[in-house]
Amino acid sequence: MAEGIRLDLFLWFARLAKTRGVAQAIIAEGHLRLDGRATDRAHATVRVGSVLALPLHGRVRVFRVLALPARRGPASEAQALYADLSPPRAVDESAPGGIGQPANSSPDHEGPAP
């Protein structure tokens, strides 16, 4: 197996980006860090042990590369390529309605008052 892989290919193979073009756009924005340094080069080399930090789904995610992919396989195969080092997402218990309930509902309320 190769010693390293292009950054855009890794993001796509690991299913962190839906397409290779999306991976290249994420990198080109300059918000991605590879081993602690900001990079805007899609051809930067990712190796086993590299640490990637990038904005995904409204928060910063941090990943350590555990293996280099040979192909873009199923999600279970992709998840084995990295370890997620991101802190767990905090649950906002102070939100109206609590966890799992809409803001204006309560368990014993069945509908509008007559």
Protein backbone atom coordinates (compact mmCIF):
# COMPACT_ATOMS: atom_id res chain seq x y z
CA MET A 1 0.00 0.00 0.00
CA ALA A 2 1.12 3.54 -0.67
CA GLU A 3 2.83 5.67 1.96
CA GLY A 4 0.26 8.46 1.62
CA ILE A 5 -2.83 9.62 -0.26
CA ARG A 6 -4.07 12.98 -1.55
CA LEU A 7 -6.13 14.89 1.00
CA ASP A 8 -9.16 15.29 -1.29
CA LEU A 9 -9.17 11.57 -2.08
CA PHE A 10 -8.97 10.67 1.60
CA LEU A 11 -11.96 12.88 2.47
CA TRP A 12 -13.97 11.30 -0.34
CA PHE A 13 -12.90 7.69 0.31
CA ALA A 14 -13.55 8.10 4.06
CA ARG A 15 -17.02 9.50 3.26
CA LEU A 16 -16.31 12.77 5.04
CA ALA A 17 -17.25 14.53 1.78
CA LYS A 18 -20.05 13.44 -0.56
CA THR A 19 -18.04 14.02 -3.74
CA ARG A 20 -14.42 14.69 -4.57
CA GLY A 21 -15.45 18.16 -5.75
CA VAL A 22 -17.00 18.90 -2.36
CA ALA A 23 -13.78 17.68 -0.71
CA GLN A 24 -11.75 20.03 -2.90
CA ALA A 25 -14.08 22.94 -2.03
CA ILE A 26 -13.74 22.27 1.72
CA ILE A 27 -9.96 22.28 1.35
CA ALA A 28 -9.88 25.37 -0.91
CA GLU A 29 -11.78 27.41 1.71
CA GLY A 30 -8.68 27.12 3.90
CA HIS A 31 -10.54 26.00 7.04
CA LEU A 32 -9.05 22.51 7.08
CA ARG A 33 -6.01 21.76 9.24
CA LEU A 34 -3.66 18.89 8.52
CA ASP A 35 -1.42 18.05 11.47
CA GLY A 36 -2.12 21.44 13.04
CA ARG A 37 -1.39 23.55 9.95
CA ALA A 38 -4.02 25.20 7.77
CA THR A 39 -3.89 23.96 4.20
CA ASP A 40 -5.68 24.87 1.01
CA ARG A 41 -3.94 22.25 -1.16
CA ALA A 42 -6.05 19.28 -2.25
CA HIS A 43 -2.86 17.44 -3.17
CA ALA A 44 -1.43 17.59 0.37
CA THR A 45 -0.41 14.11 1.54
CA VAL A 46 -2.33 12.32 4.29
CA ARG A 47 -0.50 9.51 6.10
CA VAL A 48 -1.41 7.07 8.84
CA GLY A 49 -1.29 9.07 12.08
CA SER A 50 -2.18 12.39 10.44
CA VAL A 51 -4.70 14.54 12.30
CA LEU A 52 -7.38 16.39 10.33
CA ALA A 53 -9.53 19.18 11.72
CA LEU A 54 -12.34 20.56 9.57
CA PRO A 55 -15.77 22.13 9.83
CA LEU A 56 -18.53 19.56 9.22
CA HIS A 57 -22.25 19.90 9.90
CA GLY A 58 -21.97 23.12 11.89
CA ARG A 59 -19.08 22.18 14.17
CA VAL A 60 -15.36 21.47 14.04
CA ARG A 61 -14.54 17.78 13.79
CA VAL A 62 -11.12 16.26 14.50
CA PHE A 63 -10.02 12.91 13.06
CA ARG A 64 -6.85 10.78 13.37
CA VAL A 65 -6.09 8.68 10.30
CA LEU A 66 -5.82 5.00 11.24
CA ALA A 67 -5.51 3.46 7.77
CA LEU A 68 -5.23 4.51 4.15
CA PRO A 69 -8.07 3.48 1.85
CA ALA A 70 -7.66 1.54 -1.37
CA ARG A 71 -11.16 2.41 -2.60
CA ARG A 72 -14.39 4.19 -1.66
CA GLY A 73 -16.20 1.34 0.05
CA PRO A 74 -19.27 1.12 2.26
CA ALA A 75 -19.71 3.36 5.29
CA SER A 76 -18.60 0.65 7.72
CA GLU A 77 -15.33 0.29 5.83
CA ALA A 78 -14.89 4.07 5.67
CA GLN A 79 -15.39 4.51 9.42
CA ALA A 80 -12.53 2.09 10.10
CA LEU A 81 -10.14 4.53 8.37
CA TYR A 82 -10.20 7.14 11.15
CA ALA A 83 -10.83 7.78 14.83
CA ASP A 84 -13.10 10.67 15.72
CA LEU A 85 -11.29 12.78 18.33
CA SER A 86 -14.00 15.47 18.45
CA PRO A 87 -15.53 16.19 21.83
CA PRO A 88 -19.09 14.85 22.11
CA ARG A 89 -21.79 17.29 21.05
CA ALA A 90 -23.36 18.93 24.10
CA VAL A 91 -27.10 18.36 24.57
CA ASP A 92 -28.90 21.62 25.27
CA GLU A 93 -31.25 20.62 28.09
CA SER A 94 -32.26 24.24 28.67
CA ALA A 95 -34.05 24.37 25.32
CA PRO A 96 -37.82 24.87 25.55
CA GLY A 97 -39.68 21.59 25.80
CA GLY A 98 -36.67 19.61 26.98
CA ILE A 99 -35.14 16.72 25.10
CA GLY A 100 -37.22 15.19 22.33
CA GLN A 101 -40.29 17.40 22.72
CA PRO A 102 -41.41 20.35 20.63
CA ALA A 103 -41.34 23.73 22.40
CA ASN A 104 -45.13 24.08 22.80
CA SER A 105 -46.16 20.57 23.76
CA SER A 106 -46.40 18.58 26.93
CA PRO A 107 -46.99 14.84 27.34
CA ASP A 108 -50.49 15.29 28.81
CA HIS A 109 -51.71 17.90 26.30
CA GLU A 110 -53.83 16.34 23.55
CA GLY A 111 -54.86 19.33 21.47
CA PRO A 112 -56.29 22.85 21.55
CA ALA A 113 -58.53 23.84 24.44
CA PRO A 114 -62.29 23.98 23.64
